[in-house]
């Protein structure tokens, strides 16, 4: 996941910034956002948490490793466009539920 974030940082620099936060050093939000996974991606816009409906049931964060760079860029663009319109919950461009994996 770190490789994907590092490789897309230059591409999305016009509308997003990536910050790395160690939850052991900054434990303030651990219980509020249930941060316990090794890698978690959350979206904020103008100091407001933006939720994203990925079809997984957890709209607060992405807590799995993404391998495809373009897929991650699409998610970031969707979140940015929805947040600019004032939406607190945006729909992901792809459904990540396990419904279609059988």
N, C-alpha and C. Protein backbone atom coordinates (compact mmCIF):
# COMPACT_ATOMS: atom_id res chain seq x y z
N UNK A 1 0.83 -1.20 0.00
CA UNK A 1 0.00 0.00 0.00
C UNK A 1 0.87 1.25 0.00
N UNK A 2 1.98 1.20 0.70
CA UNK A 2 2.87 2.36 0.74
C UNK A 2 3.38 2.72 -0.65
N UNK A 3 3.64 1.69 -1.47
CA UNK A 3 4.14 1.94 -2.82
C UNK A 3 3.08 2.65 -3.67
N UNK A 4 1.83 2.23 -3.51
CA UNK A 4 0.74 2.86 -4.26
C UNK A 4 0.58 4.32 -3.84
N UNK A 5 0.59 4.57 -2.53
CA UNK A 5 0.45 5.95 -2.05
C UNK A 5 1.59 6.83 -2.53
N UNK A 6 2.81 6.31 -2.47
CA UNK A 6 3.96 7.10 -2.90
C UNK A 6 3.93 7.36 -4.40
N UNK A 7 3.47 6.38 -5.17
CA UNK A 7 3.49 6.55 -6.62
C UNK A 7 2.38 7.47 -7.13
N UNK A 8 1.26 7.56 -6.41
CA UNK A 8 0.17 8.43 -6.87
C UNK A 8 0.22 9.82 -6.26
N UNK A 9 1.11 10.05 -5.31
CA UNK A 9 1.17 11.35 -4.63
C UNK A 9 1.38 12.50 -5.61
N UNK A 10 2.24 12.30 -6.58
CA UNK A 10 2.51 13.36 -7.57
C UNK A 10 1.31 13.57 -8.49
N UNK A 11 0.61 12.50 -8.81
CA UNK A 11 -0.54 12.59 -9.72
C UNK A 11 -1.70 13.33 -9.09
N UNK A 12 -1.95 13.11 -7.80
CA UNK A 12 -3.12 13.69 -7.15
C UNK A 12 -2.79 14.95 -6.35
N UNK A 13 -1.60 15.50 -6.54
CA UNK A 13 -1.18 16.64 -5.72
C UNK A 13 -2.03 17.89 -5.91
N UNK A 14 -2.76 18.00 -7.01
CA UNK A 14 -3.60 19.18 -7.25
C UNK A 14 -4.89 19.18 -6.44
N UNK A 15 -5.31 18.00 -5.96
CA UNK A 15 -6.57 17.96 -5.21
C UNK A 15 -6.51 17.11 -3.95
N UNK A 16 -5.37 16.54 -3.62
CA UNK A 16 -5.26 15.74 -2.40
C UNK A 16 -3.83 15.73 -1.89
N UNK A 17 -3.70 15.58 -0.58
CA UNK A 17 -2.40 15.46 0.07
C UNK A 17 -2.44 14.19 0.91
N UNK A 18 -1.36 13.45 0.89
CA UNK A 18 -1.28 12.21 1.66
C UNK A 18 -0.42 12.46 2.89
N UNK A 19 -0.97 12.12 4.06
CA UNK A 19 -0.24 12.22 5.31
C UNK A 19 -0.11 10.84 5.93
N UNK A 20 1.05 10.56 6.47
CA UNK A 20 1.28 9.32 7.19
C UNK A 20 1.28 9.64 8.68
N UNK A 21 0.43 8.94 9.42
CA UNK A 21 0.31 9.16 10.86
C UNK A 21 0.51 7.84 11.58
N UNK A 22 1.39 7.82 12.55
CA UNK A 22 1.61 6.63 13.37
C UNK A 22 0.61 6.67 14.53
N UNK A 23 -0.30 5.70 14.57
CA UNK A 23 -1.37 5.73 15.58
C UNK A 23 -0.86 5.44 16.98
N UNK A 24 0.35 4.92 17.10
CA UNK A 24 0.90 4.72 18.44
C UNK A 24 1.44 6.03 19.00
N UNK A 25 1.88 6.93 18.13
CA UNK A 25 2.39 8.22 18.59
C UNK A 25 1.29 9.26 18.74
N UNK A 26 0.21 9.13 17.98
CA UNK A 26 -0.92 10.07 18.04
C UNK A 26 -2.19 9.26 18.28
N UNK A 27 -2.47 8.86 19.52
CA UNK A 27 -3.59 7.95 19.80
C UNK A 27 -4.95 8.64 19.98
N UNK A 28 -5.04 9.93 19.69
CA UNK A 28 -6.26 10.69 19.97
C UNK A 28 -7.50 10.16 19.24
N UNK A 29 -7.34 9.72 18.00
CA UNK A 29 -8.49 9.32 17.20
C UNK A 29 -8.67 7.81 17.11
N UNK A 30 -7.87 7.04 17.81
CA UNK A 30 -7.92 5.57 17.68
C UNK A 30 -9.29 5.01 18.03
N UNK A 31 -9.87 5.43 19.13
CA UNK A 31 -11.18 4.89 19.51
C UNK A 31 -12.30 5.52 18.70
N UNK A 32 -12.17 6.79 18.37
CA UNK A 32 -13.23 7.47 17.62
C UNK A 32 -13.41 6.87 16.23
N UNK A 33 -12.31 6.57 15.55
CA UNK A 33 -12.39 6.04 14.18
C UNK A 33 -12.04 4.55 14.11
N UNK A 34 -11.89 3.89 15.27
CA UNK A 34 -11.57 2.47 15.33
C UNK A 34 -10.33 2.14 14.52
N UNK A 35 -9.26 2.84 14.82
CA UNK A 35 -8.00 2.65 14.09
C UNK A 35 -7.16 1.61 14.81
N UNK A 36 -7.11 0.42 14.25
CA UNK A 36 -6.30 -0.65 14.82
C UNK A 36 -5.65 -1.49 13.73
N UNK A 37 -5.98 -1.26 12.47
CA UNK A 37 -5.39 -2.00 11.36
C UNK A 37 -4.00 -1.46 11.03
N UNK A 38 -3.15 -2.29 10.43
CA UNK A 38 -1.80 -1.80 10.09
C UNK A 38 -1.81 -0.65 9.08
N UNK A 39 -2.79 -0.67 8.18
CA UNK A 39 -2.87 0.38 7.17
C UNK A 39 -4.33 0.80 7.01
N UNK A 40 -4.60 2.07 7.20
CA UNK A 40 -5.96 2.58 7.07
C UNK A 40 -5.92 3.90 6.31
N UNK A 41 -6.83 4.05 5.36
CA UNK A 41 -6.92 5.30 4.60
C UNK A 41 -8.24 5.97 4.96
N UNK A 42 -8.14 7.24 5.36
CA UNK A 42 -9.32 8.04 5.68
C UNK A 42 -9.26 9.32 4.86
N UNK A 43 -10.42 9.90 4.62
CA UNK A 43 -10.49 11.11 3.81
C UNK A 43 -11.07 12.26 4.63
N UNK A 44 -10.42 13.41 4.53
CA UNK A 44 -10.88 14.62 5.20
C UNK A 44 -10.90 15.75 4.18
N UNK A 45 -11.90 16.64 4.30
CA UNK A 45 -12.00 17.81 3.44
C UNK A 45 -12.42 18.99 4.30
N UNK A 46 -11.57 19.99 4.34
CA UNK A 46 -11.81 21.18 5.15
C UNK A 46 -12.13 20.81 6.60
N UNK A 47 -11.29 19.96 7.15
CA UNK A 47 -11.36 19.55 8.56
C UNK A 47 -12.61 18.72 8.88
N UNK A 48 -13.24 18.12 7.87
CA UNK A 48 -14.42 17.28 8.08
C UNK A 48 -14.15 15.89 7.51
N UNK A 49 -14.51 14.88 8.27
CA UNK A 49 -14.32 13.50 7.82
C UNK A 49 -15.33 13.19 6.72
N UNK A 50 -14.84 12.72 5.59
CA UNK A 50 -15.69 12.34 4.46
C UNK A 50 -15.78 10.82 4.43
N UNK A 51 -16.99 10.31 4.49
CA UNK A 51 -17.20 8.87 4.44
C UNK A 51 -17.39 8.44 2.99
N UNK A 52 -17.03 7.21 2.70
CA UNK A 52 -17.17 6.68 1.35
C UNK A 52 -17.82 5.30 1.40
N UNK A 53 -18.88 5.13 0.62
CA UNK A 53 -19.60 3.86 0.57
C UNK A 53 -18.91 2.95 -0.44
N UNK A 54 -18.20 1.96 0.08
CA UNK A 54 -17.45 1.03 -0.76
C UNK A 54 -18.18 -0.30 -0.93
N UNK A 55 -19.33 -0.44 -0.29
CA UNK A 55 -20.07 -1.69 -0.35
C UNK A 55 -19.63 -2.69 0.70
N UNK A 56 -18.73 -2.29 1.59
CA UNK A 56 -18.21 -3.21 2.60
C UNK A 56 -18.93 -3.09 3.92
N UNK A 57 -19.74 -2.08 4.11
CA UNK A 57 -20.43 -1.86 5.37
C UNK A 57 -19.71 -0.87 6.26
N UNK A 58 -18.42 -0.69 6.08
CA UNK A 58 -17.65 0.28 6.85
C UNK A 58 -17.40 1.49 5.96
N UNK A 59 -18.13 2.57 6.22
CA UNK A 59 -18.03 3.75 5.37
C UNK A 59 -16.98 4.75 5.85
N UNK A 60 -16.31 4.47 6.94
CA UNK A 60 -15.38 5.43 7.51
C UNK A 60 -14.00 5.40 6.89
N UNK A 61 -13.57 4.24 6.39
CA UNK A 61 -12.18 4.11 6.00
C UNK A 61 -11.98 2.95 5.03
N UNK A 62 -10.80 2.93 4.43
CA UNK A 62 -10.34 1.80 3.62
C UNK A 62 -9.27 1.11 4.46
N UNK A 63 -9.49 -0.14 4.81
CA UNK A 63 -8.54 -0.82 5.67
C UNK A 63 -7.96 -2.08 5.04
N UNK A 64 -7.82 -2.06 3.73
CA UNK A 64 -7.15 -3.16 3.03
C UNK A 64 -6.15 -2.55 2.06
N UNK A 65 -5.20 -3.35 1.64
CA UNK A 65 -4.16 -2.87 0.73
C UNK A 65 -4.70 -2.82 -0.69
N UNK A 66 -4.54 -1.69 -1.33
CA UNK A 66 -4.95 -1.55 -2.72
C UNK A 66 -3.71 -1.70 -3.59
N UNK A 67 -3.84 -2.46 -4.65
CA UNK A 67 -2.70 -2.73 -5.52
C UNK A 67 -2.72 -1.89 -6.80
N UNK A 68 -3.90 -1.50 -7.24
CA UNK A 68 -4.05 -0.78 -8.50
C UNK A 68 -4.00 0.73 -8.27
N UNK A 69 -3.06 1.39 -8.92
CA UNK A 69 -2.89 2.84 -8.74
C UNK A 69 -4.09 3.61 -9.29
N UNK A 70 -4.55 3.23 -10.47
CA UNK A 70 -5.65 3.96 -11.10
C UNK A 70 -6.93 3.82 -10.29
N UNK A 71 -7.13 2.67 -9.70
CA UNK A 71 -8.30 2.45 -8.86
C UNK A 71 -8.29 3.39 -7.65
N UNK A 72 -7.12 3.57 -7.04
CA UNK A 72 -7.00 4.47 -5.91
C UNK A 72 -7.19 5.93 -6.34
N UNK A 73 -6.64 6.29 -7.48
CA UNK A 73 -6.83 7.66 -8.00
C UNK A 73 -8.30 7.93 -8.25
N UNK A 74 -9.03 6.96 -8.79
CA UNK A 74 -10.47 7.12 -9.03
C UNK A 74 -11.23 7.35 -7.73
N UNK A 75 -10.85 6.63 -6.68
CA UNK A 75 -11.51 6.80 -5.38
C UNK A 75 -11.24 8.20 -4.84
N UNK A 76 -10.00 8.65 -4.91
CA UNK A 76 -9.65 9.98 -4.41
C UNK A 76 -10.38 11.06 -5.18
N UNK A 77 -10.46 10.93 -6.49
CA UNK A 77 -11.20 11.91 -7.32
C UNK A 77 -12.67 11.94 -6.95
N UNK A 78 -13.27 10.77 -6.73
CA UNK A 78 -14.68 10.69 -6.35
C UNK A 78 -14.93 11.37 -5.01
N UNK A 79 -14.05 11.11 -4.05
CA UNK A 79 -14.18 11.74 -2.73
C UNK A 79 -14.04 13.26 -2.86
N UNK A 80 -13.09 13.71 -3.63
CA UNK A 80 -12.86 15.14 -3.79
C UNK A 80 -14.07 15.83 -4.43
N UNK A 81 -14.60 15.25 -5.49
CA UNK A 81 -15.75 15.85 -6.16
C UNK A 81 -16.97 15.90 -5.25
N UNK A 82 -17.21 14.81 -4.51
CA UNK A 82 -18.35 14.79 -3.60
C UNK A 82 -18.19 15.76 -2.45
N UNK A 83 -16.98 15.85 -1.90
CA UNK A 83 -16.73 16.74 -0.77
C UNK A 83 -16.86 18.20 -1.18
N UNK A 84 -16.44 18.52 -2.38
CA UNK A 84 -16.57 19.91 -2.86
C UNK A 84 -18.03 20.32 -3.00
N UNK A 85 -18.89 19.35 -3.26
CA UNK A 85 -20.32 19.63 -3.37
C UNK A 85 -21.01 19.63 -2.02
N UNK A 86 -20.26 19.38 -0.94
CA UNK A 86 -20.82 19.41 0.40
C UNK A 86 -21.35 18.09 0.90
N UNK A 87 -21.05 17.02 0.22
CA UNK A 87 -21.54 15.72 0.64
C UNK A 87 -20.63 15.12 1.70
N UNK A 88 -21.21 14.55 2.72
CA UNK A 88 -20.45 13.90 3.77
C UNK A 88 -20.25 12.42 3.51
N UNK A 89 -21.03 11.87 2.56
CA UNK A 89 -20.92 10.47 2.17
C UNK A 89 -20.94 10.40 0.66
N UNK A 90 -19.93 9.78 0.08
CA UNK A 90 -19.85 9.63 -1.37
C UNK A 90 -19.87 8.15 -1.72
N UNK A 91 -20.30 7.84 -2.92
CA UNK A 91 -20.38 6.46 -3.39
C UNK A 91 -19.12 6.15 -4.20
N UNK A 92 -18.48 5.05 -3.89
CA UNK A 92 -17.25 4.66 -4.59
C UNK A 92 -17.56 4.29 -6.04
N UNK A 93 -16.58 4.51 -6.92
CA UNK A 93 -16.81 4.15 -8.34
C UNK A 93 -16.90 2.65 -8.58
N UNK A 94 -16.44 1.85 -7.61
CA UNK A 94 -16.47 0.39 -7.75
C UNK A 94 -17.02 -0.21 -6.46
N UNK A 95 -17.78 -1.29 -6.58
CA UNK A 95 -18.33 -1.98 -5.41
C UNK A 95 -17.31 -3.00 -4.92
N UNK A 96 -16.88 -2.86 -3.67
CA UNK A 96 -15.87 -3.77 -3.11
C UNK A 96 -16.48 -4.84 -2.22
N UNK A 97 -17.76 -5.04 -2.29
CA UNK A 97 -18.38 -6.09 -1.48
C UNK A 97 -17.98 -7.46 -2.04
N UNK A 98 -18.15 -8.48 -1.23
CA UNK A 98 -17.78 -9.84 -1.66
C UNK A 98 -18.89 -10.49 -2.47
N UNK A 99 -19.95 -9.75 -2.74
CA UNK A 99 -21.10 -10.28 -3.46
C UNK A 99 -20.72 -10.79 -4.85
N UNK A 100 -19.77 -10.15 -5.52
CA UNK A 100 -19.45 -10.51 -6.90
C UNK A 100 -18.19 -11.37 -7.02
N UNK A 101 -17.66 -11.85 -5.91
CA UNK A 101 -16.41 -12.60 -5.96
C UNK A 101 -16.62 -14.12 -5.96
N UNK A 102 -17.82 -14.59 -6.13
CA UNK A 102 -18.06 -16.01 -6.09
C UNK A 102 -18.12 -16.60 -7.49
